[in-house]
Amino acid sequence: MPDSSSFDKQRIRRNFTRAAAAYDAAGAVSREICARLLEHLDLMRLAPERILDAGSGTGVAAGMLIRRYPRAHVSAIDLTLPMLRAQPRSGKWSGTVRAALGRGAVHPICGDFERLPLRSGAMDLVVSNLALHWSEQPAAAFAEMLRVLRAGGLLAFTTFGPDTIKELAQASASIGESTPAHRFIDMHDLGDLLIRSGFAAPVMEMEYLTLTYARLEDLLHDLRANGALSVRRVGLRTPRWRQRIAQRYEAMRRDGRLPATLEVVYGHAWKPEEERSHRASGLTREGHAIVRFERPRRGSSRDPSGRA
């Protein structure tokens, strides 16, 4: 589980406030991962009318969702107001009409997805792209997402796994420093949290993506721009520290480029239907399997071999 010392929400808000202006310029990875997440929905028959983009940032997922489901009402929630203000706005008259009709509209909300300011059962689909790792209590975030989904609604999300930027962690460890990158949650722990939070039929997948950089400074710039650099000590920002890390990182250079691994975790799960649907499927409301033990009927007697 993540280190709680890295979850100062005021610090996180400040980091993303500073990152807001440059976030989209460094957001190609976020857009690519979101596109891959939405490809998972191709196999599902979905026609959501109300969608929540949880941890929306500058609206990467919200924009893709509104293009995919043009009649849907999308709510985009983020902890940082400058991120929401950086979301694109449609100045077209047709966009204004759709917004007035509640169709094809994106509605920004400044708030915390661990305590969603939305009524229960309001959403058909909740999507969270590369935001869950910023939750101090992912179980609380899952519980809130479950609450705002209608029965039978879907949660689909991406996040980073523990091997993300492992090269920076290795370079930091070699000089006796802890990694300045954020600490991420293991895929199997996330699956367990989904079940304990009350979701049914969770599906977890993972893939590795490798980015390459000419210089360490370029990597650190992207991490800062995306708010992923979890700097806890002033010394980690000094030129001397960067020089020491760069020397260790150089040993990993391949074909003239410095690698940076991303462990991308994809997950989706359903909000259970009514209790009878659970029992018909052999699952409890919490997603646990139901095992039945039946007693012999009165008047019948069988020996261990099965003969009457």
Protein backbone atom coordinates (compact mmCIF):
# COMPACT_ATOMS: atom_id res chain seq x y z
CA MET A 1 0.00 0.00 0.00
CA PRO A 2 1.17 3.59 -0.56
CA ASP A 3 3.19 5.51 2.00
CA SER A 4 0.74 7.80 3.82
CA SER A 5 3.49 10.39 4.34
CA SER A 6 3.28 11.24 0.62
CA PHE A 7 -0.44 12.05 0.84
CA ASP A 8 -0.59 15.66 1.98
CA LYS A 9 -3.60 16.85 0.00
CA GLN A 10 -2.59 20.48 0.33
CA ARG A 11 0.80 19.64 -1.17
CA ILE A 12 -0.83 17.55 -3.92
CA ARG A 13 -3.18 20.44 -4.71
CA ARG A 14 -0.22 22.85 -4.90
CA ASN A 15 1.74 20.46 -7.14
CA PHE A 16 -1.13 20.14 -9.60
CA THR A 17 -1.89 23.85 -9.45
CA ARG A 18 1.68 24.52 -10.60
CA ALA A 19 1.44 21.72 -13.19
CA ALA A 20 -1.91 22.79 -14.68
CA ALA A 21 -0.57 25.15 -17.36
CA ALA A 22 1.93 22.61 -18.75
CA TYR A 23 -0.02 19.43 -17.98
CA ASP A 24 -1.51 18.88 -21.43
CA ALA A 25 1.85 19.45 -23.16
CA ALA A 26 3.24 16.49 -21.21
CA GLY A 27 -0.05 14.55 -21.31
CA ALA A 28 0.50 12.34 -24.38
CA VAL A 29 0.94 9.30 -22.14
CA SER A 30 -2.29 10.09 -20.28
CA ARG A 31 -4.20 10.36 -23.57
CA GLU A 32 -2.75 7.10 -24.90
CA ILE A 33 -3.54 5.17 -21.71
CA CYS A 34 -7.06 6.62 -21.60
CA ALA A 35 -7.62 5.54 -25.23
CA ARG A 36 -6.52 2.01 -24.31
CA LEU A 37 -8.85 2.01 -21.31
CA LEU A 38 -11.82 3.03 -23.45
CA GLU A 39 -11.00 0.24 -25.92
CA HIS A 40 -11.88 -2.16 -23.09
CA LEU A 41 -15.44 -0.79 -23.27
CA ASP A 42 -15.79 -1.95 -26.90
CA LEU A 43 -16.70 -5.44 -25.69
CA MET A 44 -19.47 -4.14 -23.41
CA ARG A 45 -22.93 -3.03 -24.42
CA LEU A 46 -23.03 0.36 -22.78
CA ALA A 47 -25.23 3.36 -23.47
CA PRO A 48 -24.57 5.49 -20.38
CA GLU A 49 -26.58 8.66 -19.91
CA ARG A 50 -24.65 9.97 -16.90
CA ILE A 51 -20.88 9.54 -16.59
CA LEU A 52 -18.40 10.61 -13.94
CA ASP A 53 -14.75 11.34 -14.78
CA ALA A 54 -13.14 10.97 -11.33
CA GLY A 55 -9.82 12.81 -11.05
CA SER A 56 -10.40 14.57 -14.35
CA GLY A 57 -7.32 16.81 -14.46
CA THR A 58 -7.45 18.87 -17.66
CA GLY A 59 -10.29 16.78 -19.06
CA VAL A 60 -8.48 14.16 -21.17
CA ALA A 61 -10.92 11.38 -20.28
CA ALA A 62 -13.96 13.68 -20.19
CA GLY A 63 -13.27 14.83 -23.76
CA MET A 64 -12.85 11.26 -25.02
CA LEU A 65 -15.99 10.14 -23.19
CA ILE A 66 -18.15 12.91 -24.64
CA ARG A 67 -16.95 12.03 -28.13
CA ARG A 68 -17.66 8.35 -27.51
CA TYR A 69 -21.07 8.95 -25.91
CA PRO A 70 -22.27 12.24 -27.47
CA ARG A 71 -25.68 12.12 -25.78
CA ALA A 72 -24.26 11.58 -22.30
CA HIS A 73 -24.02 14.06 -19.44
CA VAL A 74 -20.41 13.96 -18.15
CA SER A 75 -19.41 15.28 -14.73
CA ALA A 76 -15.68 15.95 -14.38
CA ILE A 77 -14.42 16.17 -10.79
CA ASP A 78 -10.93 17.20 -9.75
CA LEU A 79 -9.28 18.36 -6.54
CA THR A 80 -7.57 21.31 -8.25
CA LEU A 81 -9.51 24.26 -9.66
CA PRO A 82 -6.77 25.37 -12.14
CA MET A 83 -6.87 21.88 -13.68
CA LEU A 84 -10.63 22.22 -14.25
CA ARG A 85 -10.17 25.71 -15.67
CA ALA A 86 -7.67 24.29 -18.16
CA GLN A 87 -10.32 21.96 -19.56
CA PRO A 88 -11.37 22.87 -23.11
CA ARG A 89 -14.58 24.80 -23.51
CA SER A 90 -16.78 24.67 -26.60
CA GLY A 91 -17.64 28.10 -27.92
CA LYS A 92 -19.90 26.75 -30.66
CA TRP A 93 -23.60 27.54 -30.57
CA SER A 94 -24.44 23.86 -31.05
CA GLY A 95 -22.36 22.99 -28.01
CA THR A 96 -24.27 25.56 -25.95
CA VAL A 97 -27.60 24.08 -27.07
CA ARG A 98 -26.46 20.54 -26.19
CA ALA A 99 -25.36 21.75 -22.77
CA ALA A 100 -28.75 23.38 -22.19
CA LEU A 101 -30.45 20.12 -23.10
CA GLY A 102 -28.07 18.16 -20.85
CA ARG A 103 -26.67 16.28 -23.86
CA GLY A 104 -23.05 16.12 -24.84
CA ALA A 105 -22.13 18.39 -21.96
CA VAL A 106 -19.16 18.28 -19.55
CA HIS A 107 -19.82 19.75 -16.12
CA PRO A 108 -16.71 20.49 -14.00
CA ILE A 109 -16.84 19.99 -10.22
CA CYS A 110 -14.04 20.94 -7.84
CA GLY A 111 -14.01 18.24 -5.18
CA ASP A 112 -12.43 15.14 -3.70
CA PHE A 113 -13.30 11.74 -5.17
CA GLU A 114 -12.90 10.22 -1.69
CA ARG A 115 -15.99 12.26 -0.75
CA LEU A 116 -18.00 12.78 -3.90
CA PRO A 117 -20.54 15.65 -3.80
CA LEU A 118 -23.03 13.58 -5.80
CA ARG A 119 -26.21 11.73 -4.89
CA SER A 120 -26.21 7.95 -4.59
CA GLY A 121 -27.05 5.96 -7.72
CA ALA A 122 -26.65 8.99 -9.99
CA MET A 123 -24.13 7.55 -12.49
CA ASP A 124 -24.23 4.80 -15.11
CA LEU A 125 -20.47 4.80 -15.63
CA VAL A 126 -17.52 6.01 -13.57
CA VAL A 127 -14.14 6.39 -15.30
CA SER A 128 -10.90 7.30 -13.54
CA ASN A 129 -7.76 7.69 -15.65
CA LEU A 130 -4.38 7.83 -13.85
CA ALA A 131 -5.82 9.44 -10.73
CA LEU A 132 -6.44 6.67 -8.21
CA HIS A 133 -2.79 6.56 -7.08
CA TRP A 134 -3.32 10.03 -5.60
CA SER A 135 -5.87 8.69 -3.14
CA GLU A 136 -4.70 8.31 0.45
CA GLN A 137 -7.56 5.85 1.00
CA PRO A 138 -8.28 4.00 -2.25
CA ALA A 139 -10.85 1.84 -0.43
CA ALA A 140 -12.75 5.03 0.45
CA ALA A 141 -12.52 6.20 -3.17
CA PHE A 142 -13.88 2.84 -4.39
CA ALA A 143 -16.69 2.98 -1.81
CA GLU A 144 -17.70 6.44 -3.04
CA MET A 145 -17.58 5.37 -6.68
CA LEU A 146 -19.75 2.37 -5.81
CA ARG A 147 -22.21 4.62 -3.97
CA VAL A 148 -22.74 7.03 -6.87
CA LEU A 149 -23.17 4.22 -9.43
CA ARG A 150 -26.62 2.85 -10.13
CA ALA A 151 -27.19 -0.88 -9.65
CA GLY A 152 -25.55 -2.59 -12.62
CA GLY A 153 -23.30 0.42 -13.31
CA LEU A 154 -19.64 0.09 -14.31
CA LEU A 155 -16.38 1.43 -12.88
CA ALA A 156 -13.40 1.49 -15.28
CA PHE A 157 -10.03 2.88 -14.25
CA THR A 158 -6.30 3.02 -14.88
CA THR A 159 -3.50 3.65 -12.45
CA PHE A 160 0.24 3.03 -12.18
CA GLY A 161 1.72 -0.06 -10.55
CA PRO A 162 4.82 -0.37 -8.33
CA ASP A 163 7.30 -0.88 -11.20
CA THR A 164 6.55 2.59 -12.58
CA ILE A 165 9.78 4.61 -12.98
CA LYS A 166 11.67 1.73 -11.41
CA GLU A 167 14.89 3.02 -13.01
CA LEU A 168 14.66 6.22 -10.98
CA ALA A 169 14.09 4.17 -7.83
CA GLN A 170 17.17 2.04 -8.60
CA ALA A 171 19.33 5.10 -9.28
CA SER A 172 18.14 6.72 -6.05
CA ALA A 173 18.76 3.57 -3.99
CA SER A 174 22.32 3.31 -5.31
CA ILE A 175 23.20 6.61 -3.61
CA GLY A 176 21.27 5.81 -0.44
CA GLU A 177 18.24 7.98 -1.23
CA SER A 178 14.55 7.08 -1.38
CA THR A 179 12.92 7.54 -4.78
CA PRO A 180 11.36 10.96 -5.38
CA ALA A 181 8.64 9.32 -7.49
CA HIS A 182 5.25 8.49 -6.06
CA ARG A 183 4.64 5.06 -4.49
CA PHE A 184 2.07 3.00 -6.34
CA ILE A 185 -0.34 0.20 -5.38
CA ASP A 186 0.00 -3.40 -6.53
CA MET A 187 -2.63 -4.65 -9.00
CA HIS A 188 -3.67 -7.57 -6.77
CA ASP A 189 -4.21 -5.26 -3.80
CA LEU A 190 -6.48 -3.12 -5.95
CA GLY A 191 -8.51 -6.17 -6.98
CA ASP A 192 -8.93 -7.15 -3.32
CA LEU A 193 -10.01 -3.60 -2.47
CA LEU A 194 -12.66 -3.66 -5.21
CA ILE A 195 -14.22 -6.80 -3.73
CA ARG A 196 -14.06 -5.54 -0.16
CA SER A 197 -15.64 -2.25 -1.28
CA GLY A 198 -18.64 -4.16 -2.65
CA PHE A 199 -17.92 -4.37 -6.39
CA ALA A 200 -18.64 -7.57 -8.31
CA ALA A 201 -16.72 -9.43 -11.04
CA PRO A 202 -13.54 -7.31 -10.97
CA VAL A 203 -11.15 -7.73 -13.88
CA MET A 204 -7.55 -6.54 -13.54
CA GLU A 205 -4.94 -6.30 -16.31
CA MET A 206 -1.44 -4.87 -16.56
CA GLU A 207 1.03 -3.91 -19.27
CA TYR A 208 4.45 -2.28 -19.39
CA LEU A 209 5.16 0.80 -21.50
CA THR A 210 8.69 2.14 -21.86
CA LEU A 211 9.35 5.80 -22.55
CA THR A 212 12.81 6.97 -23.57
CA TYR A 213 14.55 10.29 -22.95
CA ALA A 214 17.69 11.97 -24.17
CA ARG A 215 18.38 13.50 -20.73
CA LEU A 216 17.36 12.86 -17.15
CA GLU A 217 16.19 16.47 -16.92
CA ASP A 218 13.57 15.76 -19.61
CA LEU A 219 12.21 12.83 -17.58
CA LEU A 220 12.10 14.88 -14.36
CA HIS A 221 10.36 17.69 -16.24
CA ASP A 222 7.61 15.32 -17.42
CA LEU A 223 7.20 13.88 -13.92
CA ARG A 224 6.88 17.37 -12.44
CA ALA A 225 4.46 18.47 -15.18
CA ASN A 226 2.26 15.45 -14.49
CA GLY A 227 2.43 15.92 -10.73
CA ALA A 228 4.05 12.50 -10.28
CA LEU A 229 7.23 13.69 -8.61
CA SER A 230 6.62 13.21 -4.90
CA VAL A 231 9.44 15.36 -3.52
CA ARG A 232 9.55 15.23 0.28
CA ARG A 233 12.94 16.87 0.94
CA VAL A 234 14.49 20.05 -0.41
CA GLY A 235 17.77 18.22 -1.10
CA LEU A 236 16.12 16.16 -3.81
CA ARG A 237 15.68 19.32 -5.88
CA THR A 238 19.31 20.45 -5.78
CA PRO A 239 21.67 20.36 -8.79
CA ARG A 240 24.04 18.15 -6.76
CA TRP A 241 21.32 15.54 -6.24
CA ARG A 242 20.37 15.58 -9.92
CA GLN A 243 24.01 15.16 -10.90
CA ARG A 244 24.45 12.13 -8.63
CA ILE A 245 21.22 10.53 -9.91
CA ALA A 246 22.16 11.24 -13.53
CA GLN A 247 25.48 9.45 -13.10
CA ARG A 248 23.71 6.30 -11.86
CA TYR A 249 20.98 6.56 -14.49
CA GLU A 250 23.54 6.78 -17.31
CA ALA A 251 24.47 3.14 -16.71
CA MET A 252 20.95 2.23 -17.92
CA ARG A 253 21.21 4.10 -21.22
CA ARG A 254 20.34 1.90 -24.22
CA ASP A 255 20.67 2.89 -27.89
CA GLY A 256 21.46 6.43 -26.81
CA ARG A 257 18.30 6.86 -24.73
CA LEU A 258 17.39 6.66 -21.04
CA PRO A 259 14.47 4.28 -20.37
CA ALA A 260 11.55 5.01 -18.05
CA THR A 261 9.21 2.11 -17.37
CA LEU A 262 5.48 2.57 -16.76
CA GLU A 263 3.53 -0.29 -15.21
CA VAL A 264 -0.01 0.50 -16.34
CA VAL A 265 -2.86 -1.18 -14.44
CA TYR A 266 -6.34 -1.45 -15.97
CA GLY A 267 -9.36 -2.44 -13.93
CA HIS A 268 -13.10 -2.62 -14.22
CA ALA A 269 -15.88 -3.92 -11.99
CA TRP A 270 -19.66 -3.73 -11.72
CA LYS A 271 -21.98 -2.45 -9.04
CA PRO A 272 -24.09 -5.47 -8.08
CA GLU A 273 -27.76 -5.69 -9.03
CA GLU A 274 -30.43 -6.49 -6.44
CA GLU A 275 -29.78 -9.25 -3.89
CA ARG A 276 -31.71 -11.87 -5.84
CA SER A 277 -29.47 -11.27 -8.85
CA HIS A 278 -26.44 -11.89 -6.65
CA ARG A 279 -27.85 -15.14 -5.36
CA ALA A 280 -28.73 -16.26 -8.87
CA SER A 281 -25.13 -15.61 -9.91
CA GLY A 282 -23.73 -17.37 -6.85
CA LEU A 283 -22.30 -14.17 -5.33
CA THR A 284 -23.13 -12.08 -2.29
CA ARG A 285 -23.54 -8.31 -2.50
CA GLU A 286 -19.86 -8.02 -1.53
CA GLY A 287 -18.81 -10.28 -4.42
CA HIS A 288 -18.10 -13.37 -2.27
CA ALA A 289 -18.95 -16.82 -3.57
CA ILE A 290 -21.97 -18.62 -2.11
CA VAL A 291 -21.43 -22.29 -1.24
CA ARG A 292 -24.57 -24.29 -0.45
CA PHE A 293 -24.73 -27.35 1.77
CA GLU A 294 -28.00 -29.29 1.39
CA ARG A 295 -29.32 -31.71 3.95
CA PRO A 296 -30.87 -35.03 2.82
CA ARG A 297 -34.66 -34.94 2.57
CA ARG A 298 -36.65 -36.54 5.34
CA GLY A 299 -37.43 -40.19 4.75
CA SER A 300 -34.33 -40.77 2.64
CA SER A 301 -31.11 -42.33 3.81
CA ARG A 302 -27.90 -42.93 1.92
CA ASP A 303 -24.70 -44.65 2.91
CA PRO A 304 -21.28 -43.20 1.97
CA SER A 305 -21.21 -45.25 -1.24
CA GLY A 306 -24.33 -43.47 -2.46
CA ARG A 307 -26.62 -46.53 -2.28
CA ALA A 308 -30.10 -46.02 -0.79
